[in-house]
Amino acid sequence: MHSVEMIECAIDLAKRLGYEIRQDWLGGANGGGCELRGTKWLFLDLSLSPEERLEQLADALADDPRVADAHVPTELRTYFNRRSEPH
């Protein structure tokens, strides 16, 4: 699975978990996750490479315990697990 496909799967996962997604050209400014008025948001910076956007998504979803119980394609789950391993 390519990075763009993994981004689409991660966005789908985030939406299923109740996140609102905003994709904008942020010029390298910090995107990522936050909570505003009880709603979880993910801001993806379209000026970043697909790999960097996938990292933004993985970082934002890493602290959400619901991800462990969610249906996640094997390649995306493997990517998430690899990122959480100590280096």
N, C-alpha and C. Protein backbone atom coordinates (compact mmCIF):
# COMPACT_ATOMS: atom_id res chain seq x y z
N MET A 1 0.87 -1.18 0.00
CA MET A 1 0.00 0.00 0.00
C MET A 1 0.92 1.23 0.00
N HIS A 2 0.63 2.18 -0.89
CA HIS A 2 1.41 3.41 -0.99
C HIS A 2 0.98 4.41 0.08
N SER A 3 1.83 5.40 0.30
CA SER A 3 1.55 6.42 1.33
C SER A 3 0.20 7.09 1.12
N VAL A 4 -0.14 7.40 -0.13
CA VAL A 4 -1.41 8.09 -0.40
C VAL A 4 -2.58 7.20 -0.01
N GLU A 5 -2.49 5.91 -0.31
CA GLU A 5 -3.55 4.98 0.07
C GLU A 5 -3.63 4.85 1.60
N MET A 6 -2.48 4.84 2.25
CA MET A 6 -2.46 4.74 3.71
C MET A 6 -3.05 6.01 4.32
N ILE A 7 -2.80 7.17 3.71
CA ILE A 7 -3.40 8.42 4.18
C ILE A 7 -4.91 8.32 4.10
N GLU A 8 -5.42 7.83 2.98
CA GLU A 8 -6.87 7.69 2.81
C GLU A 8 -7.45 6.75 3.86
N CYS A 9 -6.77 5.65 4.14
CA CYS A 9 -7.24 4.71 5.17
C CYS A 9 -7.20 5.35 6.55
N ALA A 10 -6.13 6.11 6.84
CA ALA A 10 -6.02 6.76 8.14
C ALA A 10 -7.08 7.84 8.31
N ILE A 11 -7.38 8.58 7.23
CA ILE A 11 -8.44 9.59 7.29
C ILE A 11 -9.78 8.91 7.53
N ASP A 12 -10.02 7.80 6.84
CA ASP A 12 -11.27 7.05 7.04
C ASP A 12 -11.38 6.58 8.49
N LEU A 13 -10.29 6.07 9.03
CA LEU A 13 -10.27 5.64 10.43
C LEU A 13 -10.60 6.81 11.35
N ALA A 14 -9.94 7.92 11.13
CA ALA A 14 -10.17 9.10 11.98
C ALA A 14 -11.64 9.53 11.92
N LYS A 15 -12.22 9.53 10.75
CA LYS A 15 -13.63 9.91 10.61
C LYS A 15 -14.53 8.93 11.35
N ARG A 16 -14.22 7.63 11.25
CA ARG A 16 -15.01 6.63 11.97
C ARG A 16 -14.91 6.82 13.48
N LEU A 17 -13.79 7.37 13.93
CA LEU A 17 -13.60 7.62 15.36
C LEU A 17 -14.16 8.98 15.79
N GLY A 18 -14.76 9.70 14.85
CA GLY A 18 -15.42 10.95 15.19
C GLY A 18 -14.61 12.21 14.99
N TYR A 19 -13.46 12.11 14.37
CA TYR A 19 -12.64 13.29 14.10
C TYR A 19 -13.19 14.07 12.91
N GLU A 20 -13.09 15.38 13.00
CA GLU A 20 -13.32 16.25 11.85
C GLU A 20 -11.96 16.44 11.18
N ILE A 21 -11.94 16.40 9.87
CA ILE A 21 -10.68 16.50 9.13
C ILE A 21 -10.68 17.79 8.32
N ARG A 22 -9.57 18.49 8.40
CA ARG A 22 -9.40 19.71 7.59
C ARG A 22 -8.07 19.59 6.88
N GLN A 23 -8.11 19.65 5.54
CA GLN A 23 -6.90 19.57 4.74
C GLN A 23 -6.72 20.92 4.05
N ASP A 24 -5.63 21.60 4.42
CA ASP A 24 -5.36 22.93 3.87
C ASP A 24 -3.87 23.08 3.64
N TRP A 25 -3.54 24.05 2.82
CA TRP A 25 -2.15 24.42 2.60
C TRP A 25 -1.73 25.30 3.77
N LEU A 26 -0.94 24.73 4.67
CA LEU A 26 -0.52 25.45 5.87
C LEU A 26 0.93 25.93 5.78
N GLY A 27 1.57 25.68 4.66
CA GLY A 27 2.92 26.17 4.43
C GLY A 27 3.96 25.65 5.41
N GLY A 28 3.76 24.44 5.90
CA GLY A 28 4.72 23.86 6.83
C GLY A 28 4.44 24.21 8.28
N ALA A 29 3.40 25.00 8.53
CA ALA A 29 3.02 25.31 9.92
C ALA A 29 2.53 24.03 10.57
N ASN A 30 2.55 24.00 11.86
CA ASN A 30 2.18 22.79 12.57
C ASN A 30 0.73 22.41 12.34
N GLY A 31 0.53 21.27 11.71
CA GLY A 31 -0.79 20.67 11.62
C GLY A 31 -0.87 19.65 12.74
N GLY A 32 -1.83 18.76 12.65
CA GLY A 32 -1.95 17.70 13.65
C GLY A 32 -3.31 17.70 14.30
N GLY A 33 -3.38 17.13 15.46
CA GLY A 33 -4.66 16.96 16.13
C GLY A 33 -4.85 17.92 17.28
N CYS A 34 -6.11 18.21 17.54
CA CYS A 34 -6.48 19.01 18.70
C CYS A 34 -7.96 18.78 18.99
N GLU A 35 -8.41 19.31 20.12
CA GLU A 35 -9.82 19.23 20.47
C GLU A 35 -10.34 20.63 20.71
N LEU A 36 -11.43 20.98 20.02
CA LEU A 36 -12.06 22.28 20.15
C LEU A 36 -13.53 22.08 20.50
N ARG A 37 -13.94 22.61 21.65
CA ARG A 37 -15.33 22.52 22.10
C ARG A 37 -15.88 21.11 22.04
N GLY A 38 -15.06 20.16 22.47
CA GLY A 38 -15.50 18.78 22.55
C GLY A 38 -15.41 18.00 21.26
N THR A 39 -14.96 18.62 20.19
CA THR A 39 -14.81 17.94 18.91
C THR A 39 -13.34 17.76 18.60
N LYS A 40 -12.96 16.53 18.24
CA LYS A 40 -11.57 16.25 17.87
C LYS A 40 -11.37 16.63 16.41
N TRP A 41 -10.28 17.34 16.16
CA TRP A 41 -9.94 17.81 14.82
C TRP A 41 -8.56 17.31 14.42
N LEU A 42 -8.40 17.04 13.13
CA LEU A 42 -7.11 16.76 12.54
C LEU A 42 -6.88 17.75 11.40
N PHE A 43 -5.80 18.49 11.50
CA PHE A 43 -5.43 19.45 10.47
C PHE A 43 -4.24 18.89 9.71
N LEU A 44 -4.43 18.65 8.41
CA LEU A 44 -3.38 18.10 7.56
C LEU A 44 -2.85 19.20 6.65
N ASP A 45 -1.55 19.32 6.61
CA ASP A 45 -0.88 20.36 5.83
C ASP A 45 -0.58 19.82 4.43
N LEU A 46 -1.30 20.30 3.43
CA LEU A 46 -1.13 19.83 2.06
C LEU A 46 0.19 20.26 1.45
N SER A 47 0.93 21.15 2.11
CA SER A 47 2.25 21.53 1.60
C SER A 47 3.30 20.47 1.93
N LEU A 48 2.96 19.53 2.78
CA LEU A 48 3.89 18.46 3.16
C LEU A 48 3.80 17.29 2.19
N SER A 49 4.84 16.47 2.18
CA SER A 49 4.84 15.27 1.34
C SER A 49 3.81 14.28 1.88
N PRO A 50 3.40 13.31 1.07
CA PRO A 50 2.47 12.29 1.57
C PRO A 50 3.01 11.57 2.81
N GLU A 51 4.29 11.28 2.84
CA GLU A 51 4.88 10.60 3.99
C GLU A 51 4.75 11.46 5.25
N GLU A 52 4.99 12.77 5.12
CA GLU A 52 4.88 13.67 6.26
C GLU A 52 3.43 13.81 6.73
N ARG A 53 2.49 13.83 5.79
CA ARG A 53 1.07 13.89 6.17
C ARG A 53 0.65 12.61 6.88
N LEU A 54 1.16 11.47 6.42
CA LEU A 54 0.87 10.20 7.08
C LEU A 54 1.42 10.23 8.51
N GLU A 55 2.59 10.81 8.69
CA GLU A 55 3.15 10.96 10.04
C GLU A 55 2.26 11.84 10.91
N GLN A 56 1.73 12.93 10.33
CA GLN A 56 0.81 13.80 11.09
C GLN A 56 -0.39 13.00 11.57
N LEU A 57 -0.95 12.21 10.68
CA LEU A 57 -2.12 11.40 11.05
C LEU A 57 -1.76 10.38 12.13
N ALA A 58 -0.65 9.68 11.94
CA ALA A 58 -0.24 8.66 12.90
C ALA A 58 0.03 9.29 14.26
N ASP A 59 0.69 10.44 14.28
CA ASP A 59 0.97 11.12 15.55
C ASP A 59 -0.32 11.51 16.26
N ALA A 60 -1.28 12.02 15.50
CA ALA A 60 -2.54 12.48 16.09
C ALA A 60 -3.36 11.31 16.62
N LEU A 61 -3.32 10.18 15.93
CA LEU A 61 -4.12 9.02 16.33
C LEU A 61 -3.42 8.14 17.36
N ALA A 62 -2.12 8.35 17.55
CA ALA A 62 -1.33 7.48 18.43
C ALA A 62 -1.86 7.45 19.86
N ASP A 63 -2.39 8.56 20.35
CA ASP A 63 -2.85 8.61 21.75
C ASP A 63 -4.31 8.24 21.92
N ASP A 64 -4.99 7.90 20.84
CA ASP A 64 -6.40 7.55 20.93
C ASP A 64 -6.53 6.05 21.18
N PRO A 65 -6.97 5.65 22.37
CA PRO A 65 -7.04 4.21 22.68
C PRO A 65 -8.04 3.46 21.81
N ARG A 66 -8.96 4.15 21.19
CA ARG A 66 -9.97 3.48 20.36
C ARG A 66 -9.36 2.88 19.09
N VAL A 67 -8.18 3.35 18.71
CA VAL A 67 -7.52 2.82 17.51
C VAL A 67 -7.22 1.34 17.69
N ALA A 68 -6.86 0.93 18.89
CA ALA A 68 -6.52 -0.47 19.16
C ALA A 68 -7.68 -1.41 18.85
N ASP A 69 -8.91 -0.94 19.05
CA ASP A 69 -10.08 -1.79 18.84
C ASP A 69 -10.73 -1.60 17.47
N ALA A 70 -10.24 -0.64 16.71
CA ALA A 70 -10.85 -0.32 15.42
C ALA A 70 -10.34 -1.25 14.33
N HIS A 71 -11.17 -1.41 13.30
CA HIS A 71 -10.73 -2.16 12.12
C HIS A 71 -9.76 -1.27 11.35
N VAL A 72 -8.52 -1.73 11.24
CA VAL A 72 -7.48 -0.98 10.55
C VAL A 72 -6.80 -1.94 9.59
N PRO A 73 -6.64 -1.55 8.31
CA PRO A 73 -5.93 -2.43 7.38
C PRO A 73 -4.55 -2.82 7.92
N THR A 74 -4.13 -4.03 7.63
CA THR A 74 -2.91 -4.59 8.19
C THR A 74 -1.69 -3.69 7.95
N GLU A 75 -1.54 -3.17 6.75
CA GLU A 75 -0.36 -2.34 6.46
C GLU A 75 -0.36 -1.06 7.27
N LEU A 76 -1.52 -0.47 7.47
CA LEU A 76 -1.61 0.75 8.27
C LEU A 76 -1.34 0.42 9.74
N ARG A 77 -1.89 -0.67 10.24
CA ARG A 77 -1.63 -1.09 11.62
C ARG A 77 -0.13 -1.33 11.82
N THR A 78 0.50 -1.99 10.86
CA THR A 78 1.94 -2.24 10.94
C THR A 78 2.72 -0.93 10.98
N TYR A 79 2.30 0.04 10.16
CA TYR A 79 2.95 1.36 10.15
C TYR A 79 2.80 2.03 11.52
N PHE A 80 1.60 2.01 12.07
CA PHE A 80 1.36 2.61 13.39
C PHE A 80 2.24 1.92 14.45
N ASN A 81 2.29 0.60 14.42
CA ASN A 81 3.06 -0.15 15.41
C ASN A 81 4.55 0.14 15.29
N ARG A 82 5.06 0.21 14.06
CA ARG A 82 6.48 0.52 13.85
C ARG A 82 6.84 1.88 14.42
N ARG A 83 5.94 2.84 14.26
CA ARG A 83 6.22 4.19 14.74
C ARG A 83 6.20 4.27 16.26
N SER A 84 5.46 3.36 16.90
CA SER A 84 5.35 3.41 18.36
C SER A 84 6.48 2.66 19.06
N GLU A 85 7.26 1.90 18.29
CA GLU A 85 8.37 1.15 18.89
C GLU A 85 9.50 2.10 19.26
N PRO A 86 10.18 1.87 20.39
CA PRO A 86 11.32 2.69 20.76
C PRO A 86 12.45 2.52 19.75
N HIS A 87 13.18 3.58 19.51
CA HIS A 87 14.29 3.52 18.53
C HIS A 87 15.59 3.22 19.21
